[in-house]
C-alpha atoms as a PDB file:
ATOM      1  CA  MET A   1     -24.002 -31.265 -17.790  1.00  0.00           C
ATOM      2  CA  ARG A   2     -23.356 -33.159 -14.673  1.00  0.00           C
ATOM      3  CA  LEU A   3     -19.688 -32.762 -15.082  1.00  0.00           C
ATOM      4  CA  LEU A   4     -20.051 -29.001 -15.657  1.00  0.00           C
ATOM      5  CA  ASN A   5     -22.173 -28.823 -12.578  1.00  0.00           C
ATOM      6  CA  LYS A   6     -19.369 -30.638 -10.439  1.00  0.00           C
ATOM      7  CA  LEU A   7     -16.684 -28.259 -11.842  1.00  0.00           C
ATOM      8  CA  ILE A   8     -18.751 -25.267 -10.961  1.00  0.00           C
ATOM      9  CA  CYS A   9     -19.362 -26.592  -7.465  1.00  0.00           C
ATOM     10  CA  ALA A  10     -15.659 -27.351  -6.984  1.00  0.00           C
ATOM     11  CA  ALA A  11     -14.856 -23.931  -8.089  1.00  0.00           C
ATOM     12  CA  LEU A  12     -17.310 -22.265  -5.685  1.00  0.00           C
ATOM     13  CA  LEU A  13     -16.078 -24.422  -2.813  1.00  0.00           C
ATOM     14  CA  ALA A  14     -12.284 -23.971  -3.465  1.00  0.00           C
ATOM     15  CA  PRO A  15     -10.334 -22.017  -0.902  1.00  0.00           C
ATOM     16  CA  ALA A  16      -9.657 -18.450  -1.573  1.00  0.00           C
ATOM     17  CA  ALA A  17      -6.547 -17.749  -3.822  1.00  0.00           C
ATOM     18  CA  VAL A  18      -3.264 -17.690  -1.820  1.00  0.00           C
ATOM     19  CA  LEU A  19      -1.501 -14.248  -2.095  1.00  0.00           C
ATOM     20  CA  ALA A  20       1.547 -14.403  -4.537  1.00  0.00           C
ATOM     21  CA  ALA A  21       4.714 -14.047  -2.550  1.00  0.00           C
ATOM     22  CA  PRO A  22       6.711 -10.723  -3.174  1.00  0.00           C
ATOM     23  CA  LEU A  23       9.724 -11.298  -5.318  1.00  0.00           C
ATOM     24  CA  TYR A  24      13.151 -10.547  -3.798  1.00  0.00           C
ATOM     25  CA  THR A  25      16.560 -10.132  -5.395  1.00  0.00           C
ATOM     26  CA  ALA A  26      19.670 -11.966  -4.203  1.00  0.00           C
ATOM     27  CA  ASP A  27      20.769  -8.703  -2.678  1.00  0.00           C
ATOM     28  CA  ASN A  28      17.748  -8.249  -0.522  1.00  0.00           C
ATOM     29  CA  LYS A  29      15.909  -5.770  -2.727  1.00  0.00           C
ATOM     30  CA  MET A  30      12.362  -6.304  -3.718  1.00  0.00           C
ATOM     31  CA  ALA A  31      11.359  -6.418  -7.599  1.00  0.00           C
ATOM     32  CA  VAL A  32       8.664  -3.782  -8.513  1.00  0.00           C
ATOM     33  CA  PRO A  33       5.560  -5.937  -9.399  1.00  0.00           C
ATOM     34  CA  GLU A  34       5.033  -5.367 -13.185  1.00  0.00           C
ATOM     35  CA  ASP A  35       1.284  -5.047 -12.942  1.00  0.00           C
ATOM     36  CA  TYR A  36       0.868  -3.122  -9.845  1.00  0.00           C
ATOM     37  CA  ARG A  37      -1.008  -0.351 -11.873  1.00  0.00           C
ATOM     38  CA  THR A  38      -3.750  -2.850 -12.532  1.00  0.00           C
ATOM     39  CA  TRP A  39      -4.107  -3.382  -8.696  1.00  0.00           C
ATOM     40  CA  VAL A  40      -6.783  -1.974  -6.577  1.00  0.00           C
ATOM     41  CA  PHE A  41      -6.591   1.968  -6.319  1.00  0.00           C
ATOM     42  CA  LEU A  42      -6.992   3.125  -2.670  1.00  0.00           C
ATOM     43  CA  THR A  43      -6.260   6.713  -2.811  1.00  0.00           C
ATOM     44  CA  ALA A  44      -4.347   9.807  -4.233  1.00  0.00           C
ATOM     45  CA  SER A  45      -3.009  12.787  -2.567  1.00  0.00           C
ATOM     46  CA  MET A  46      -1.128  16.080  -3.353  1.00  0.00           C
ATOM     47  CA  ASP A  47       1.751  17.193  -1.512  1.00  0.00           C
ATOM     48  CA  LEU A  48       1.074  14.770   1.430  1.00  0.00           C
ATOM     49  CA  ASN A  49       4.232  15.041   3.562  1.00  0.00           C
ATOM     50  CA  TYR A  50       4.934  13.530   7.081  1.00  0.00           C
ATOM     51  CA  ASN A  51       8.086  15.410   7.540  1.00  0.00           C
ATOM     52  CA  THR A  52       7.565  19.242   8.251  1.00  0.00           C
ATOM     53  CA  ALA A  53      11.276  19.817   8.539  1.00  0.00           C
ATOM     54  CA  ALA A  54      11.922  19.510   4.848  1.00  0.00           C
ATOM     55  CA  THR A  55       9.405  20.670   2.013  1.00  0.00           C
ATOM     56  CA  PRO A  56      10.354  19.954  -1.534  1.00  0.00           C
ATOM     57  CA  GLY A  57      10.706  22.614  -3.989  1.00  0.00           C
ATOM     58  CA  HIS A  58       8.017  21.245  -6.242  1.00  0.00           C
ATOM     59  CA  HIS A  59       4.375  19.682  -6.072  1.00  0.00           C
ATOM     60  CA  MET A  60       4.029  15.974  -5.822  1.00  0.00           C
ATOM     61  CA  LEU A  61       0.977  13.743  -6.522  1.00  0.00           C
ATOM     62  CA  ASP A  62       0.820  10.152  -5.524  1.00  0.00           C
ATOM     63  CA  ASN A  63      -1.402   7.092  -5.935  1.00  0.00           C
ATOM     64  CA  VAL A  64      -1.627   4.189  -3.678  1.00  0.00           C
ATOM     65  CA  PHE A  65      -2.304   0.526  -4.882  1.00  0.00           C
ATOM     66  CA  VAL A  66      -2.654  -2.793  -3.275  1.00  0.00           C
ATOM     67  CA  ASN A  67      -2.588  -6.303  -4.425  1.00  0.00           C
ATOM     68  CA  PRO A  68      -6.089  -7.426  -5.231  1.00  0.00           C
ATOM     69  CA  GLU A  69      -6.108 -10.521  -3.180  1.00  0.00           C
ATOM     70  CA  ALA A  70      -4.950  -8.515  -0.011  1.00  0.00           C
ATOM     71  CA  TYR A  71      -7.779  -6.011  -0.812  1.00  0.00           C
ATOM     72  CA  GLN A  72     -10.431  -8.745  -0.885  1.00  0.00           C
ATOM     73  CA  VAL A  73      -9.239  -9.996   2.598  1.00  0.00           C
ATOM     74  CA  PHE A  74      -9.322  -6.644   4.002  1.00  0.00           C
ATOM     75  CA  LEU A  75     -12.833  -6.295   2.854  1.00  0.00           C
ATOM     76  CA  LYS A  76     -13.912  -9.346   5.034  1.00  0.00           C
ATOM     77  CA  THR A  77     -11.713  -8.819   7.942  1.00  0.00           C
ATOM     78  CA  GLY A  78     -10.575  -5.230   8.204  1.00  0.00           C
ATOM     79  CA  THR A  79      -6.870  -6.162   8.451  1.00  0.00           C
ATOM     80  CA  TRP A  80      -4.139  -7.129   5.916  1.00  0.00           C
ATOM     81  CA  PRO A  81      -3.151 -10.642   5.361  1.00  0.00           C
ATOM     82  CA  ASP A  82       0.403 -11.895   4.951  1.00  0.00           C
ATOM     83  CA  LYS A  83       1.924 -10.951   1.614  1.00  0.00           C
ATOM     84  CA  THR A  84       0.173  -7.712   1.287  1.00  0.00           C
ATOM     85  CA  ILE A  85       1.914  -5.281  -0.886  1.00  0.00           C
ATOM     86  CA  LEU A  86       1.001  -1.583  -0.955  1.00  0.00           C
ATOM     87  CA  ILE A  87       2.674   0.557  -3.472  1.00  0.00           C
ATOM     88  CA  LYS A  88       2.762   4.494  -3.246  1.00  0.00           C
ATOM     89  CA  GLU A  89       3.645   5.757  -6.608  1.00  0.00           C
ATOM     90  CA  ASN A  90       5.017   9.279  -6.235  1.00  0.00           C
ATOM     91  CA  ARG A  91       4.752  11.542  -9.373  1.00  0.00           C
ATOM     92  CA  MET A  92       5.888  14.901 -10.238  1.00  0.00           C
ATOM     93  CA  ALA A  93       3.019  17.460 -10.518  1.00  0.00           C
ATOM     94  CA  GLU A  94       2.824  19.150 -13.790  1.00  0.00           C
ATOM     95  CA  SER A  95       0.936  22.434 -14.548  1.00  0.00           C
ATOM     96  CA  ALA A  96       1.673  23.260 -17.979  1.00  0.00           C
ATOM     97  CA  GLY A  97      -0.039  21.124 -20.810  1.00  0.00           C
ATOM     98  CA  THR A  98      -1.349  21.728 -24.226  1.00  0.00           C
ATOM     99  CA  LEU A  99      -4.837  22.388 -22.834  1.00  0.00           C
ATOM    100  CA  SER A 100      -4.473  23.140 -19.180  1.00  0.00           C
ATOM    101  CA  LYS A 101      -5.100  26.521 -17.970  1.00  0.00           C
ATOM    102  CA  ALA A 102      -5.055  25.914 -14.315  1.00  0.00           C
ATOM    103  CA  GLY A 103      -4.547  23.121 -11.917  1.00  0.00           C
ATOM    104  CA  GLN A 104      -2.062  20.376 -11.956  1.00  0.00           C
ATOM    105  CA  PHE A 105      -1.815  16.881 -13.250  1.00  0.00           C
ATOM    106  CA  GLN A 106       0.400  13.738 -12.685  1.00  0.00           C
ATOM    107  CA  GLY A 107       3.715  13.654 -14.558  1.00  0.00           C
ATOM    108  CA  ALA A 108       6.561  11.341 -14.556  1.00  0.00           C
ATOM    109  CA  VAL A 109       6.870   8.826 -11.792  1.00  0.00           C
ATOM    110  CA  MET A 110       9.547  10.041  -9.348  1.00  0.00           C
ATOM    111  CA  ASN A 111       9.895   6.884  -7.193  1.00  0.00           C
ATOM    112  CA  LEU A 112       7.884   4.123  -5.772  1.00  0.00           C
ATOM    113  CA  GLU A 113       7.484   3.399  -1.881  1.00  0.00           C
ATOM    114  CA  ILE A 114       6.570  -0.218  -1.058  1.00  0.00           C
ATOM    115  CA  HIS A 115       5.218  -1.394   2.129  1.00  0.00           C
ATOM    116  CA  VAL A 116       5.159  -5.128   2.208  1.00  0.00           C
ATOM    117  CA  LYS A 117       3.795  -7.562   4.919  1.00  0.00           C
ATOM    118  CA  ASP A 118       5.959 -10.791   4.954  1.00  0.00           C
ATOM    119  CA  GLU A 119       5.944 -12.562   8.138  1.00  0.00           C
ATOM    120  CA  ALA A 120       8.422 -15.154   7.339  1.00  0.00           C
ATOM    121  CA  ARG A 121      11.031 -12.683   5.989  1.00  0.00           C
ATOM    122  CA  PHE A 122      10.394  -9.919   8.470  1.00  0.00           C
ATOM    123  CA  PRO A 123       9.391 -11.929  11.650  1.00  0.00           C
ATOM    124  CA  ASP A 124      10.309  -9.094  14.021  1.00  0.00           C
ATOM    125  CA  GLY A 125       7.927  -6.559  12.567  1.00  0.00           C
ATOM    126  CA  LYS A 126       6.037  -8.427   9.889  1.00  0.00           C
ATOM    127  CA  TRP A 127       6.229  -5.355   7.654  1.00  0.00           C
ATOM    128  CA  ALA A 128       9.032  -3.663   5.629  1.00  0.00           C
ATOM    129  CA  PHE A 129       9.569  -0.718   3.508  1.00  0.00           C
ATOM    130  CA  PHE A 130      11.386  -0.517   0.244  1.00  0.00           C
ATOM    131  CA  LEU A 131      12.157   2.381  -2.195  1.00  0.00           C
ATOM    132  CA  SER A 132      12.451   1.943  -6.084  1.00  0.00           C
ATOM    133  CA  SER A 133      14.237   5.136  -6.933  1.00  0.00           C
ATOM    134  CA  ASP A 134      12.750   5.316 -10.426  1.00  0.00           C
ATOM    135  CA  GLY A 135       9.651   3.175 -10.265  1.00  0.00           C
ATOM    136  CA  LYS A 136      11.193   0.300 -12.171  1.00  0.00           C
ATOM    137  CA  ALA A 137      14.518  -0.648 -10.351  1.00  0.00           C
ATOM    138  CA  ALA A 138      14.089  -3.201  -7.569  1.00  0.00           C
ATOM    139  CA  GLY A 139      13.415  -1.437  -4.361  1.00  0.00           C
ATOM    140  CA  THR A 140      15.963  -1.080  -1.639  1.00  0.00           C
ATOM    141  CA  LEU A 141      15.116  -2.121   1.824  1.00  0.00           C
ATOM    142  CA  PHE A 142      14.860   0.650   4.477  1.00  0.00           C
ATOM    143  CA  PRO A 143      16.897  -0.291   7.600  1.00  0.00           C
ATOM    144  CA  LYS A 144      14.853  -0.937  10.727  1.00  0.00           C
ATOM    145  CA  THR A 145      16.187   2.254  12.141  1.00  0.00           C
ATOM    146  CA  ALA A 146      14.567   4.342   9.363  1.00  0.00           C
ATOM    147  CA  SER A 147      11.670   6.764  10.563  1.00  0.00           C
ATOM    148  CA  CYS A 148       9.194   5.069   8.522  1.00  0.00           C
ATOM    149  CA  TYR A 149       8.988   2.148  10.774  1.00  0.00           C
ATOM    150  CA  SER A 150       8.291   3.961  14.028  1.00  0.00           C
ATOM    151  CA  CYS A 151       6.112   6.416  12.340  1.00  0.00           C
ATOM    152  CA  HIS A 152       3.791   3.832  10.983  1.00  0.00           C
ATOM    153  CA  GLN A 153       3.825   1.958  14.149  1.00  0.00           C
ATOM    154  CA  ASP A 154       2.889   5.056  16.090  1.00  0.00           C
ATOM    155  CA  HIS A 155       0.237   6.642  13.768  1.00  0.00           C
ATOM    156  CA  ALA A 156      -1.167   4.132  11.498  1.00  0.00           C
ATOM    157  CA  ALA A 157      -4.847   3.435  11.810  1.00  0.00           C
ATOM    158  CA  VAL A 158      -4.654  -0.584  10.911  1.00  0.00           C
ATOM    159  CA  ASP A 159      -1.832  -2.852  11.225  1.00  0.00           C
ATOM    160  CA  THR A 160       1.050  -0.261  10.512  1.00  0.00           C
ATOM    161  CA  THR A 161      -0.699   1.016   7.434  1.00  0.00           C
ATOM    162  CA  PHE A 162      -2.388   4.515   6.915  1.00  0.00           C
ATOM    163  CA  VAL A 163      -5.904   3.376   6.257  1.00  0.00           C
ATOM    164  CA  GLN A 164      -6.977   6.748   7.716  1.00  0.00           C
ATOM    165  CA  PHE A 165      -6.014   8.020   4.306  1.00  0.00           C
ATOM    166  CA  TYR A 166      -8.123   5.444   2.324  1.00  0.00           C
ATOM    167  CA  PRO A 167     -11.497   6.662   2.337  1.00  0.00           C
ATOM    168  CA  THR A 168     -13.025   3.492   1.233  1.00  0.00           C
ATOM    169  CA  LEU A 169     -11.280   1.258   3.723  1.00  0.00           C
ATOM    170  CA  MET A 170     -11.595   3.466   6.894  1.00  0.00           C
ATOM    171  CA  PRO A 171     -15.261   2.495   7.317  1.00  0.00           C
ATOM    172  CA  ILE A 172     -14.579  -1.091   7.145  1.00  0.00           C
ATOM    173  CA  ALA A 173     -11.855  -0.889   9.680  1.00  0.00           C
ATOM    174  CA  LYS A 174     -14.224   1.041  11.975  1.00  0.00           C
ATOM    175  CA  GLU A 175     -17.059  -1.655  11.457  1.00  0.00           C
ATOM    176  CA  LYS A 176     -14.680  -4.629  11.879  1.00  0.00           C
ATOM    177  CA  ASN A 177     -13.110  -2.860  15.021  1.00  0.00           C
ATOM    178  CA  THR A 178      -9.597  -3.217  13.771  1.00  0.00           C
ATOM    179  CA  LEU A 179      -8.210   0.218  14.330  1.00  0.00           C
ATOM    180  CA  SER A 180      -4.979   0.337  16.200  1.00  0.00           C
ATOM    181  CA  ALA A 181      -4.677   1.392  19.945  1.00  0.00           C
ATOM    182  CA  ALA A 182      -2.118   3.949  19.020  1.00  0.00           C
ATOM    183  CA  TYR A 183      -4.364   5.582  16.399  1.00  0.00           C
ATOM    184  CA  LEU A 184      -7.389   5.394  18.705  1.00  0.00           C
ATOM    185  CA  LYS A 185      -5.323   7.220  21.336  1.00  0.00           C
ATOM    186  CA  GLU A 186      -3.943   9.830  18.887  1.00  0.00           C
ATOM    187  CA  ILE A 187      -7.541  10.838  17.782  1.00  0.00           C
ATOM    188  CA  GLY A 188      -8.639  10.902  21.191  1.00  0.00           C
ATOM    189  CA  ALA A 189     -11.242   8.065  20.862  1.00  0.00           C
ATOM    190  CA  LYS A 190     -12.792   6.626  24.009  1.00  0.00           C
END
């Protein structure tokens, strides 16, 4: 019994789990984490588009997931730790099913957008964006000149992430006072 108590105490006093490092290929791509669908679900949206110049000819639904260890840190601090991985899973919207008479549901995965914080690998901005063309293939790194970098820098609520679209995390960011100056300026906060 004494040994069991010592083991329980040691487990309770152990430091928090270290975030698993993202996996990269030799050609600077990022492997899609096999278990991302078991991660923490942050939000879903339909036809969310940041580019008004080009509208797709179809409806799209997306789901956003974050690795569980990063989520736990965000809950405590209101910001993302190093090695955070956010995955935006883009799916084709379907409307014709065996039972459906109206509305839309999620169809096949079109692609994955991966937003990763890796301070050692990307010291100039800490964050990088990758695109997996089919949701399975390793993600291709977007060049720093891609508009996603400046858009996230200029409009993201917390640490270049669009927490303003994550309804369960926005109150935490407000409470922890971690909203970005750019976001506060954009919404006209005083």
